[in-house]
Structure formats: structure tokens, C-alpha cells
Amino acid sequence: MALTNAIAAYEDCDKLFERALESEKGIRVCLGQNSKAARYLQMRLNHYRTLLREESRRQYDRTDPQYGKSIYDKLYCRLSEDTTGEWWVYIDPAGQEFAMIAIEEIE
């Protein structure tokens, strides 16, 4: 299924990403028992970020820290099916799936 490259077509994705950024642990979106719709939303979210990265390459110089980046890169989009067969798209901060106990330098 081809996705459009028109950024304006992803207003829903932008709203979901913004809401996830505002939340400490992220958000989740239920798509009922429709796994295809869940995968499609996940695909759209990731494609939208790709378009934003391309746009930032046009807007910023290579030396700028924002070059080739999206403000949503720190969010992770994953799928999960619950025990009742409902499909969810989770949008949460990357690295949240595990707890780091300690970080040490190697000597």
C-alpha cells in the first residue's frame, strides 16, 4: 500500500505524536480487532517521521543539529494485541521498555 508524501495528509499522526510527547509515558490508540488498521497506522506514523526528516534536510544546513531529524524521533511506535484480541498502537518514549539499574564506565 503506497503512502503519500504530502505532509499535510498526516495531521492525525502529528496530533498523536504531540499528545505522546506531552505524556510522561506516552499514549496508545485502540484499533479494535483490526490488525491491518493497526499496522497501517504504525506505517503512517513512521512514514510521517521520515517526511519530517527529509523536510529538515531542506530547511537546515548540514552543520545544524536539527538537520535530518524529527522532534518525534525519540518516540517509539509499536503494536500490541491484548487478551481480548484488540489491537493497540503504542507511542511511547524510546527505551522505556526496560529499566536501567546502573550505567558505569568500563575500566
PDB file of N, CA and C in Angstrom:
ATOM      1  N   MET A   1       0.848  -1.166   0.000  1.00  0.00           N
ATOM      2  CA  MET A   1       0.000   0.000   0.000  1.00  0.00           C
ATOM      3  C   MET A   1       0.901   1.240   0.000  1.00  0.00           C
ATOM      4  N   ALA A   2       0.783   2.061  -0.999  1.00  0.00           N
ATOM      5  CA  ALA A   2       1.619   3.258  -1.124  1.00  0.00           C
ATOM      6  C   ALA A   2       1.110   4.370  -0.206  1.00  0.00           C
ATOM      7  N   LEU A   3       2.050   5.095   0.350  1.00  0.00           N
ATOM      8  CA  LEU A   3       1.722   6.222   1.213  1.00  0.00           C
ATOM      9  C   LEU A   3       2.057   7.521   0.486  1.00  0.00           C
ATOM     10  N   THR A   4       1.260   8.535   0.716  1.00  0.00           N
ATOM     11  CA  THR A   4       1.512   9.833   0.101  1.00  0.00           C
ATOM     12  C   THR A   4       2.703  10.520   0.765  1.00  0.00           C
ATOM     13  N   ASN A   5       3.365  11.354  -0.002  1.00  0.00           N
ATOM     14  CA  ASN A   5       4.481  12.130   0.527  1.00  0.00           C
ATOM     15  C   ASN A   5       4.078  13.553   0.890  1.00  0.00           C
ATOM     16  N   ALA A   6       2.790  13.820   0.900  1.00  0.00           N
ATOM     17  CA  ALA A   6       2.283  15.142   1.276  1.00  0.00           C
ATOM     18  C   ALA A   6       2.168  15.213   2.801  1.00  0.00           C
ATOM     19  N   ILE A   7       2.985  16.041   3.398  1.00  0.00           N
ATOM     20  CA  ILE A   7       2.999  16.150   4.867  1.00  0.00           C
ATOM     21  C   ILE A   7       1.623  16.517   5.418  1.00  0.00           C
ATOM     22  N   ALA A   8       0.867  17.306   4.682  1.00  0.00           N
ATOM     23  CA  ALA A   8      -0.457  17.742   5.143  1.00  0.00           C
ATOM     24  C   ALA A   8      -1.422  16.566   5.337  1.00  0.00           C
ATOM     25  N   ALA A   9      -1.140  15.437   4.727  1.00  0.00           N
ATOM     26  CA  ALA A   9      -2.016  14.269   4.846  1.00  0.00           C
ATOM     27  C   ALA A   9      -1.841  13.528   6.165  1.00  0.00           C
ATOM     28  N   TYR A  10      -0.908  13.987   6.993  1.00  0.00           N
ATOM     29  CA  TYR A  10      -0.587  13.277   8.222  1.00  0.00           C
ATOM     30  C   TYR A  10      -0.923  14.093   9.471  1.00  0.00           C
ATOM     31  N   GLU A  11      -1.942  14.912   9.375  1.00  0.00           N
ATOM     32  CA  GLU A  11      -2.343  15.740  10.514  1.00  0.00           C
ATOM     33  C   GLU A  11      -2.712  14.875  11.721  1.00  0.00           C
ATOM     34  N   ASP A  12      -3.353  13.749  11.471  1.00  0.00           N
ATOM     35  CA  ASP A  12      -3.710  12.844  12.563  1.00  0.00           C
ATOM     36  C   ASP A  12      -2.460  12.294  13.245  1.00  0.00           C
ATOM     37  N   CYS A  13      -1.450  11.970  12.472  1.00  0.00           N
ATOM     38  CA  CYS A  13      -0.203  11.456  13.031  1.00  0.00           C
ATOM     39  C   CYS A  13       0.480  12.524  13.870  1.00  0.00           C
ATOM     40  N   ASP A  14       0.476  13.748  13.375  1.00  0.00           N
ATOM     41  CA  ASP A  14       1.081  14.847  14.115  1.00  0.00           C
ATOM     42  C   ASP A  14       0.383  15.023  15.464  1.00  0.00           C
ATOM     43  N   LYS A  15      -0.936  14.963  15.477  1.00  0.00           N
ATOM     44  CA  LYS A  15      -1.687  15.112  16.731  1.00  0.00           C
ATOM     45  C   LYS A  15      -1.363  13.984  17.709  1.00  0.00           C
ATOM     46  N   LEU A  16      -1.230  12.770  17.197  1.00  0.00           N
ATOM     47  CA  LEU A  16      -0.890  11.641  18.068  1.00  0.00           C
ATOM     48  C   LEU A  16       0.513  11.789  18.634  1.00  0.00           C
ATOM     49  N   PHE A  17       1.467  12.162  17.794  1.00  0.00           N
ATOM     50  CA  PHE A  17       2.836  12.371  18.271  1.00  0.00           C
ATOM     51  C   PHE A  17       2.897  13.486  19.309  1.00  0.00           C
ATOM     52  N   GLU A  18       2.195  14.585  19.056  1.00  0.00           N
ATOM     53  CA  GLU A  18       2.193  15.701  20.008  1.00  0.00           C
ATOM     54  C   GLU A  18       1.636  15.265  21.353  1.00  0.00           C
ATOM     55  N   ARG A  19       0.566  14.520  21.305  1.00  0.00           N
ATOM     56  CA  ARG A  19      -0.047  14.048  22.555  1.00  0.00           C
ATOM     57  C   ARG A  19       0.894  13.100  23.295  1.00  0.00           C
ATOM     58  N   ALA A  20       1.599  12.261  22.545  1.00  0.00           N
ATOM     59  CA  ALA A  20       2.554  11.339  23.167  1.00  0.00           C
ATOM     60  C   ALA A  20       3.719  12.096  23.799  1.00  0.00           C
ATOM     61  N   LEU A  21       4.166  13.174  23.157  1.00  0.00           N
ATOM     62  CA  LEU A  21       5.249  13.988  23.718  1.00  0.00           C
ATOM     63  C   LEU A  21       4.827  14.657  25.023  1.00  0.00           C
ATOM     64  N   GLU A  22       3.576  15.057  25.103  1.00  0.00           N
ATOM     65  CA  GLU A  22       3.054  15.725  26.295  1.00  0.00           C
ATOM     66  C   GLU A  22       2.881  14.772  27.466  1.00  0.00           C
ATOM     67  N   SER A  23       2.771  13.490  27.178  1.00  0.00           N
ATOM     68  CA  SER A  23       2.549  12.492  28.213  1.00  0.00           C
ATOM     69  C   SER A  23       3.884  11.924  28.702  1.00  0.00           C
ATOM     70  N   GLU A  24       3.989  11.697  29.990  1.00  0.00           N
ATOM     71  CA  GLU A  24       5.230  11.169  30.559  1.00  0.00           C
ATOM     72  C   GLU A  24       5.564   9.777  30.024  1.00  0.00           C
ATOM     73  N   LYS A  25       4.558   8.923  29.905  1.00  0.00           N
ATOM     74  CA  LYS A  25       4.801   7.546  29.483  1.00  0.00           C
ATOM     75  C   LYS A  25       4.319   7.250  28.067  1.00  0.00           C
ATOM     76  N   GLY A  26       3.772   8.242  27.371  1.00  0.00           N
ATOM     77  CA  GLY A  26       3.280   8.016  26.023  1.00  0.00           C
ATOM     78  C   GLY A  26       1.783   7.748  25.998  1.00  0.00           C
ATOM     79  N   ILE A  27       1.320   7.320  24.831  1.00  0.00           N
ATOM     80  CA  ILE A  27      -0.108   7.044  24.647  1.00  0.00           C
ATOM     81  C   ILE A  27      -0.278   5.719  23.908  1.00  0.00           C
ATOM     82  N   ARG A  28      -1.524   5.279  23.834  1.00  0.00           N
ATOM     83  CA  ARG A  28      -1.847   4.125  22.990  1.00  0.00           C
ATOM     84  C   ARG A  28      -3.170   4.393  22.306  1.00  0.00           C
ATOM     85  N   VAL A  29      -3.319   3.821  21.114  1.00  0.00           N
ATOM     86  CA  VAL A  29      -4.504   4.025  20.292  1.00  0.00           C
ATOM     87  C   VAL A  29      -5.092   2.649  19.972  1.00  0.00           C
ATOM     88  N   CYS A  30      -6.354   2.447  20.290  1.00  0.00           N
ATOM     89  CA  CYS A  30      -7.010   1.169  20.017  1.00  0.00           C
ATOM     90  C   CYS A  30      -7.629   1.197  18.626  1.00  0.00           C
ATOM     91  N   LEU A  31      -7.399   0.123  17.874  1.00  0.00           N
ATOM     92  CA  LEU A  31      -7.978  -0.009  16.542  1.00  0.00           C
ATOM     93  C   LEU A  31      -8.874  -1.247  16.462  1.00  0.00           C
ATOM     94  N   GLY A  32      -9.426  -1.632  17.589  1.00  0.00           N
ATOM     95  CA  GLY A  32     -10.338  -2.772  17.624  1.00  0.00           C
ATOM     96  C   GLY A  32      -9.611  -4.059  17.271  1.00  0.00           C
ATOM     97  N   GLN A  33     -10.309  -4.960  16.644  1.00  0.00           N
ATOM     98  CA  GLN A  33      -9.714  -6.244  16.290  1.00  0.00           C
ATOM     99  C   GLN A  33      -9.144  -6.228  14.877  1.00  0.00           C
ATOM    100  N   ASN A  34      -8.819  -5.053  14.397  1.00  0.00           N
ATOM    101  CA  ASN A  34      -8.330  -4.877  13.040  1.00  0.00           C
ATOM    102  C   ASN A  34      -6.805  -4.720  13.028  1.00  0.00           C
ATOM    103  N   SER A  35      -6.103  -5.829  12.904  1.00  0.00           N
ATOM    104  CA  SER A  35      -4.635  -5.790  12.922  1.00  0.00           C
ATOM    105  C   SER A  35      -4.089  -5.049  11.710  1.00  0.00           C
ATOM    106  N   LYS A  36      -4.789  -5.108  10.580  1.00  0.00           N
ATOM    107  CA  LYS A  36      -4.330  -4.397   9.377  1.00  0.00           C
ATOM    108  C   LYS A  36      -4.378  -2.886   9.596  1.00  0.00           C
ATOM    109  N   ALA A  37      -5.416  -2.402  10.242  1.00  0.00           N
ATOM    110  CA  ALA A  37      -5.527  -0.967  10.528  1.00  0.00           C
ATOM    111  C   ALA A  37      -4.431  -0.532  11.499  1.00  0.00           C
ATOM    112  N   ALA A  38      -4.115  -1.371  12.461  1.00  0.00           N
ATOM    113  CA  ALA A  38      -3.051  -1.057  13.419  1.00  0.00           C
ATOM    114  C   ALA A  38      -1.703  -0.979  12.706  1.00  0.00           C
ATOM    115  N   ARG A  39      -1.415  -1.941  11.840  1.00  0.00           N
ATOM    116  CA  ARG A  39      -0.152  -1.918  11.085  1.00  0.00           C
ATOM    117  C   ARG A  39      -0.100  -0.712  10.155  1.00  0.00           C
ATOM    118  N   TYR A  40      -1.230  -0.364   9.559  1.00  0.00           N
ATOM    119  CA  TYR A  40      -1.281   0.779   8.649  1.00  0.00           C
ATOM    120  C   TYR A  40      -1.013   2.088   9.399  1.00  0.00           C
ATOM    121  N   LEU A  41      -1.605   2.232  10.580  1.00  0.00           N
ATOM    122  CA  LEU A  41      -1.350   3.430  11.373  1.00  0.00           C
ATOM    123  C   LEU A  41       0.121   3.503  11.767  1.00  0.00           C
ATOM    124  N   GLN A  42       0.684   2.396  12.199  1.00  0.00           N
ATOM    125  CA  GLN A  42       2.097   2.370  12.560  1.00  0.00           C
ATOM    126  C   GLN A  42       2.964   2.761  11.356  1.00  0.00           C
ATOM    127  N   MET A  43       2.625   2.260  10.200  1.00  0.00           N
ATOM    128  CA  MET A  43       3.359   2.580   8.980  1.00  0.00           C
ATOM    129  C   MET A  43       3.244   4.071   8.651  1.00  0.00           C
ATOM    130  N   ARG A  44       2.041   4.631   8.786  1.00  0.00           N
ATOM    131  CA  ARG A  44       1.839   6.058   8.529  1.00  0.00           C
ATOM    132  C   ARG A  44       2.631   6.926   9.500  1.00  0.00           C
ATOM    133  N   LEU A  45       2.633   6.548  10.771  1.00  0.00           N
ATOM    134  CA  LEU A  45       3.391   7.297  11.771  1.00  0.00           C
ATOM    135  C   LEU A  45       4.880   7.320  11.422  1.00  0.00           C
ATOM    136  N   ASN A  46       5.422   6.169  11.078  1.00  0.00           N
ATOM    137  CA  ASN A  46       6.838   6.091  10.739  1.00  0.00           C
ATOM    138  C   ASN A  46       7.153   6.829   9.439  1.00  0.00           C
ATOM    139  N   HIS A  47       6.258   6.766   8.471  1.00  0.00           N
ATOM    140  CA  HIS A  47       6.477   7.479   7.208  1.00  0.00           C
ATOM    141  C   HIS A  47       6.428   8.997   7.432  1.00  0.00           C
ATOM    142  N   TYR A  48       5.536   9.429   8.280  1.00  0.00           N
ATOM    143  CA  TYR A  48       5.444  10.855   8.598  1.00  0.00           C
ATOM    144  C   TYR A  48       6.760  11.356   9.183  1.00  0.00           C
ATOM    145  N   ARG A  49       7.354  10.582  10.080  1.00  0.00           N
ATOM    146  CA  ARG A  49       8.647  10.979  10.638  1.00  0.00           C
ATOM    147  C   ARG A  49       9.720  11.050   9.554  1.00  0.00           C
ATOM    148  N   THR A  50       9.683  10.121   8.622  1.00  0.00           N
ATOM    149  CA  THR A  50      10.636  10.139   7.515  1.00  0.00           C
ATOM    150  C   THR A  50      10.481  11.410   6.692  1.00  0.00           C
ATOM    151  N   LEU A  51       9.245  11.803   6.429  1.00  0.00           N
ATOM    152  CA  LEU A  51       8.994  13.036   5.680  1.00  0.00           C
ATOM    153  C   LEU A  51       9.496  14.261   6.440  1.00  0.00           C
ATOM    154  N   LEU A  52       9.322  14.267   7.745  1.00  0.00           N
ATOM    155  CA  LEU A  52       9.810  15.384   8.556  1.00  0.00           C
ATOM    156  C   LEU A  52      11.339  15.461   8.527  1.00  0.00           C
ATOM    157  N   ARG A  53      11.995  14.310   8.529  1.00  0.00           N
ATOM    158  CA  ARG A  53      13.460  14.297   8.436  1.00  0.00           C
ATOM    159  C   ARG A  53      13.914  14.858   7.090  1.00  0.00           C
ATOM    160  N   GLU A  54      13.232  14.460   6.032  1.00  0.00           N
ATOM    161  CA  GLU A  54      13.568  14.978   4.699  1.00  0.00           C
ATOM    162  C   GLU A  54      13.359  16.489   4.636  1.00  0.00           C
ATOM    163  N   GLU A  55      12.281  16.959   5.236  1.00  0.00           N
ATOM    164  CA  GLU A  55      11.989  18.389   5.262  1.00  0.00           C
ATOM    165  C   GLU A  55      13.077  19.145   6.034  1.00  0.00           C
ATOM    166  N   SER A  56      13.541  18.574   7.125  1.00  0.00           N
ATOM    167  CA  SER A  56      14.580  19.248   7.905  1.00  0.00           C
ATOM    168  C   SER A  56      15.904  19.296   7.144  1.00  0.00           C
ATOM    169  N   ARG A  57      16.138  18.336   6.243  1.00  0.00           N
ATOM    170  CA  ARG A  57      17.341  18.390   5.407  1.00  0.00           C
ATOM    171  C   ARG A  57      17.278  19.556   4.422  1.00  0.00           C
ATOM    172  N   ARG A  58      16.063  19.895   4.008  1.00  0.00           N
ATOM    173  CA  ARG A  58      15.897  21.030   3.100  1.00  0.00           C
ATOM    174  C   ARG A  58      15.974  22.367   3.846  1.00  0.00           C
ATOM    175  N   GLN A  59      15.533  22.377   5.083  1.00  0.00           N
ATOM    176  CA  GLN A  59      15.450  23.620   5.842  1.00  0.00           C
ATOM    177  C   GLN A  59      16.753  24.016   6.531  1.00  0.00           C
ATOM    178  N   TYR A  60      17.521  23.045   6.967  1.00  0.00           N
ATOM    179  CA  TYR A  60      18.692  23.324   7.789  1.00  0.00           C
ATOM    180  C   TYR A  60      19.987  22.956   7.062  1.00  0.00           C
ATOM    181  N   ASP A  61      21.041  23.640   7.436  1.00  0.00           N
ATOM    182  CA  ASP A  61      22.368  23.353   6.922  1.00  0.00           C
ATOM    183  C   ASP A  61      22.881  22.063   7.564  1.00  0.00           C
ATOM    184  N   ARG A  62      23.774  21.369   6.879  1.00  0.00           N
ATOM    185  CA  ARG A  62      24.321  20.114   7.398  1.00  0.00           C
ATOM    186  C   ARG A  62      24.959  20.260   8.779  1.00  0.00           C
ATOM    187  N   THR A  63      25.437  21.424   9.092  1.00  0.00           N
ATOM    188  CA  THR A  63      26.097  21.636  10.386  1.00  0.00           C
ATOM    189  C   THR A  63      25.112  21.893  11.519  1.00  0.00           C
ATOM    190  N   ASP A  64      23.855  22.124  11.189  1.00  0.00           N
ATOM    191  CA  ASP A  64      22.833  22.399  12.202  1.00  0.00           C
ATOM    192  C   ASP A  64      22.424  21.093  12.893  1.00  0.00           C
ATOM    193  N   PRO A  65      22.284  21.095  14.224  1.00  0.00           N
ATOM    194  CA  PRO A  65      21.879  19.874  14.950  1.00  0.00           C
ATOM    195  C   PRO A  65      20.498  19.340  14.541  1.00  0.00           C
ATOM    196  N   GLN A  66      19.658  20.172  13.958  1.00  0.00           N
ATOM    197  CA  GLN A  66      18.318  19.732  13.553  1.00  0.00           C
ATOM    198  C   GLN A  66      18.298  19.122  12.157  1.00  0.00           C
ATOM    199  N   TYR A  67      19.414  19.161  11.464  1.00  0.00           N
ATOM    200  CA  TYR A  67      19.496  18.623  10.107  1.00  0.00           C
ATOM    201  C   TYR A  67      19.196  17.121  10.104  1.00  0.00           C
ATOM    202  N   GLY A  68      18.221  16.711   9.297  1.00  0.00           N
ATOM    203  CA  GLY A  68      17.883  15.291   9.146  1.00  0.00           C
ATOM    204  C   GLY A  68      17.204  14.658  10.335  1.00  0.00           C
ATOM    205  N   LYS A  69      16.619  15.475  11.202  1.00  0.00           N
ATOM    206  CA  LYS A  69      15.977  14.941  12.406  1.00  0.00           C
ATOM    207  C   LYS A  69      14.529  15.388  12.495  1.00  0.00           C
ATOM    208  N   SER A  70      13.775  14.637  13.253  1.00  0.00           N
ATOM    209  CA  SER A  70      12.392  14.982  13.580  1.00  0.00           C
ATOM    210  C   SER A  70      12.291  15.079  15.097  1.00  0.00           C
ATOM    211  N   ILE A  71      11.460  15.986  15.571  1.00  0.00           N
ATOM    212  CA  ILE A  71      11.279  16.078  17.022  1.00  0.00           C
ATOM    213  C   ILE A  71      10.628  14.807  17.578  1.00  0.00           C
ATOM    214  N   TYR A  72      10.059  13.994  16.694  1.00  0.00           N
ATOM    215  CA  TYR A  72       9.383  12.770  17.126  1.00  0.00           C
ATOM    216  C   TYR A  72      10.294  11.534  17.088  1.00  0.00           C
ATOM    217  N   ASP A  73      11.570  11.726  16.754  1.00  0.00           N
ATOM    218  CA  ASP A  73      12.488  10.588  16.684  1.00  0.00           C
ATOM    219  C   ASP A  73      12.664   9.889  18.019  1.00  0.00           C
ATOM    220  N   LYS A  74      12.435  10.601  19.109  1.00  0.00           N
ATOM    221  CA  LYS A  74      12.611   9.986  20.427  1.00  0.00           C
ATOM    222  C   LYS A  74      11.420   9.129  20.848  1.00  0.00           C
ATOM    223  N   LEU A  75      10.407   9.051  19.997  1.00  0.00           N
ATOM    224  CA  LEU A  75       9.240   8.219  20.289  1.00  0.00           C
ATOM    225  C   LEU A  75       9.302   6.918  19.494  1.00  0.00           C
ATOM    226  N   TYR A  76       8.808   5.875  20.104  1.00  0.00           N
ATOM    227  CA  TYR A  76       8.813   4.539  19.533  1.00  0.00           C
ATOM    228  C   TYR A  76       7.373   4.139  19.242  1.00  0.00           C
ATOM    229  N   CYS A  77       7.110   3.618  18.068  1.00  0.00           N
ATOM    230  CA  CYS A  77       5.756   3.175  17.691  1.00  0.00           C
ATOM    231  C   CYS A  77       5.750   1.649  17.615  1.00  0.00           C
ATOM    232  N   ARG A  78       4.929   1.034  18.434  1.00  0.00           N
ATOM    233  CA  ARG A  78       4.876  -0.431  18.439  1.00  0.00           C
ATOM    234  C   ARG A  78       3.442  -0.920  18.494  1.00  0.00           C
ATOM    235  N   LEU A  79       3.251  -2.141  18.068  1.00  0.00           N
ATOM    236  CA  LEU A  79       1.924  -2.771  18.050  1.00  0.00           C
ATOM    237  C   LEU A  79       1.817  -3.773  19.176  1.00  0.00           C
ATOM    238  N   SER A  80       0.609  -3.919  19.690  1.00  0.00           N
ATOM    239  CA  SER A  80       0.371  -4.911  20.728  1.00  0.00           C
ATOM    240  C   SER A  80      -1.082  -5.375  20.640  1.00  0.00           C
ATOM    241  N   GLU A  81      -1.268  -6.664  20.775  1.00  0.00           N
ATOM    242  CA  GLU A  81      -2.619  -7.237  20.829  1.00  0.00           C
ATOM    243  C   GLU A  81      -2.896  -7.618  22.274  1.00  0.00           C
ATOM    244  N   ASP A  82      -4.047  -7.179  22.793  1.00  0.00           N
ATOM    245  CA  ASP A  82      -4.365  -7.519  24.177  1.00  0.00           C
ATOM    246  C   ASP A  82      -5.063  -8.875  24.252  1.00  0.00           C
ATOM    247  N   THR A  83      -5.441  -9.265  25.441  1.00  0.00           N
ATOM    248  CA  THR A  83      -6.019 -10.596  25.664  1.00  0.00           C
ATOM    249  C   THR A  83      -7.407 -10.767  25.049  1.00  0.00           C
ATOM    250  N   THR A  84      -8.060  -9.656  24.704  1.00  0.00           N
ATOM    251  CA  THR A  84      -9.395  -9.742  24.093  1.00  0.00           C
ATOM    252  C   THR A  84      -9.341  -9.652  22.569  1.00  0.00           C
ATOM    253  N   GLY A  85      -8.120  -9.588  22.006  1.00  0.00           N
ATOM    254  CA  GLY A  85      -7.975  -9.519  20.560  1.00  0.00           C
ATOM    255  C   GLY A  85      -7.984  -8.103  20.001  1.00  0.00           C
ATOM    256  N   GLU A  86      -7.990  -7.103  20.881  1.00  0.00           N
ATOM    257  CA  GLU A  86      -7.942  -5.705  20.445  1.00  0.00           C
ATOM    258  C   GLU A  86      -6.497  -5.338  20.101  1.00  0.00           C
ATOM    259  N   TRP A  87      -6.335  -4.587  19.013  1.00  0.00           N
ATOM    260  CA  TRP A  87      -5.006  -4.144  18.593  1.00  0.00           C
ATOM    261  C   TRP A  87      -4.776  -2.702  19.009  1.00  0.00           C
ATOM    262  N   TRP A  88      -3.585  -2.447  19.543  1.00  0.00           N
ATOM    263  CA  TRP A  88      -3.193  -1.135  20.028  1.00  0.00           C
ATOM    264  C   TRP A  88      -1.905  -0.692  19.350  1.00  0.00           C
ATOM    265  N   VAL A  89      -1.824   0.592  19.052  1.00  0.00           N
ATOM    266  CA  VAL A  89      -0.570   1.203  18.621  1.00  0.00           C
ATOM    267  C   VAL A  89      -0.094   2.042  19.800  1.00  0.00           C
ATOM    268  N   TYR A  90       1.059   1.679  20.328  1.00  0.00           N
ATOM    269  CA  TYR A  90       1.667   2.412  21.430  1.00  0.00           C
ATOM    270  C   TYR A  90       2.660   3.421  20.857  1.00  0.00           C
ATOM    271  N   ILE A  91       2.611   4.633  21.367  1.00  0.00           N
ATOM    272  CA  ILE A  91       3.577   5.666  21.007  1.00  0.00           C
ATOM    273  C   ILE A  91       4.174   6.139  22.322  1.00  0.00           C
ATOM    274  N   ASP A  92       5.394   5.686  22.580  1.00  0.00           N
ATOM    275  CA  ASP A  92       5.999   5.994  23.862  1.00  0.00           C
ATOM    276  C   ASP A  92       7.488   6.304  23.710  1.00  0.00           C
ATOM    277  N   PRO A  93       8.075   6.883  24.745  1.00  0.00           N
ATOM    278  CA  PRO A  93       9.493   7.228  24.664  1.00  0.00           C
ATOM    279  C   PRO A  93      10.361   5.998  24.432  1.00  0.00           C
ATOM    280  N   ALA A  94      11.318   6.132  23.525  1.00  0.00           N
ATOM    281  CA  ALA A  94      12.229   5.026  23.233  1.00  0.00           C
ATOM    282  C   ALA A  94      13.012   4.659  24.483  1.00  0.00           C
ATOM    283  N   GLY A  95      13.238   3.367  24.670  1.00  0.00           N
ATOM    284  CA  GLY A  95      13.999   2.895  25.818  1.00  0.00           C
ATOM    285  C   GLY A  95      13.169   2.666  27.057  1.00  0.00           C
ATOM    286  N   GLN A  96      11.876   2.912  26.977  1.00  0.00           N
ATOM    287  CA  GLN A  96      11.021   2.763  28.151  1.00  0.00           C
ATOM    288  C   GLN A  96      10.697   1.295  28.445  1.00  0.00           C
ATOM    289  N   GLU A  97      10.955   0.404  27.484  1.00  0.00           N
ATOM    290  CA  GLU A  97      10.555  -0.984  27.665  1.00  0.00           C
ATOM    291  C   GLU A  97      11.418  -1.750  28.667  1.00  0.00           C
ATOM    292  N   PHE A  98      12.491  -1.130  29.146  1.00  0.00           N
ATOM    293  CA  PHE A  98      13.304  -1.762  30.170  1.00  0.00           C
ATOM    294  C   PHE A  98      13.820  -0.695  31.126  1.00  0.00           C
ATOM    295  N   ALA A  99      14.114  -1.111  32.341  1.00  0.00           N
ATOM    296  CA  ALA A  99      14.614  -0.170  33.346  1.00  0.00           C
ATOM    297  C   ALA A  99      16.123  -0.346  33.480  1.00  0.00           C
ATOM    298  N   MET A 100      16.851   0.751  33.382  1.00  0.00           N
ATOM    299  CA  MET A 100      18.305   0.705  33.561  1.00  0.00           C
ATOM    300  C   MET A 100      18.590   0.818  35.056  1.00  0.00           C
ATOM    301  N   ILE A 101      19.282  -0.144  35.584  1.00  0.00           N
ATOM    302  CA  ILE A 101      19.616  -0.168  37.002  1.00  0.00           C
ATOM    303  C   ILE A 101      20.846   0.693  37.283  1.00  0.00           C
ATOM    304  N   ALA A 102      21.850   0.572  36.413  1.00  0.00           N
ATOM    305  CA  ALA A 102      23.078   1.349  36.598  1.00  0.00           C
ATOM    306  C   ALA A 102      23.782   1.517  35.270  1.00  0.00           C
ATOM    307  N   ILE A 103      24.502   2.617  35.142  1.00  0.00           N
ATOM    308  CA  ILE A 103      25.342   2.858  33.975  1.00  0.00           C
ATOM    309  C   ILE A 103      26.737   3.143  34.512  1.00  0.00           C
ATOM    310  N   GLU A 104      27.705   2.375  34.061  1.00  0.00           N
ATOM    311  CA  GLU A 104      29.073   2.538  34.535  1.00  0.00           C
ATOM    312  C   GLU A 104      30.031   2.569  33.362  1.00  0.00           C
ATOM    313  N   GLU A 105      31.111   3.310  33.519  1.00  0.00           N
ATOM    314  CA  GLU A 105      32.165   3.298  32.522  1.00  0.00           C
ATOM    315  C   GLU A 105      33.003   2.056  32.693  1.00  0.00           C
ATOM    316  N   ILE A 106      33.465   1.515  31.572  1.00  0.00           N
ATOM    317  CA  ILE A 106      34.326   0.334  31.615  1.00  0.00           C
ATOM    318  C   ILE A 106      35.759   0.772  31.839  1.00  0.00           C
ATOM    319  N   GLU A 107      36.421   0.139  32.776  1.00  0.00           N
ATOM    320  CA  GLU A 107      37.825   0.486  33.076  1.00  0.00           C
ATOM    321  C   GLU A 107      38.772  -0.471  32.430  1.00  0.00           C
TER     322      GLU A 107
END
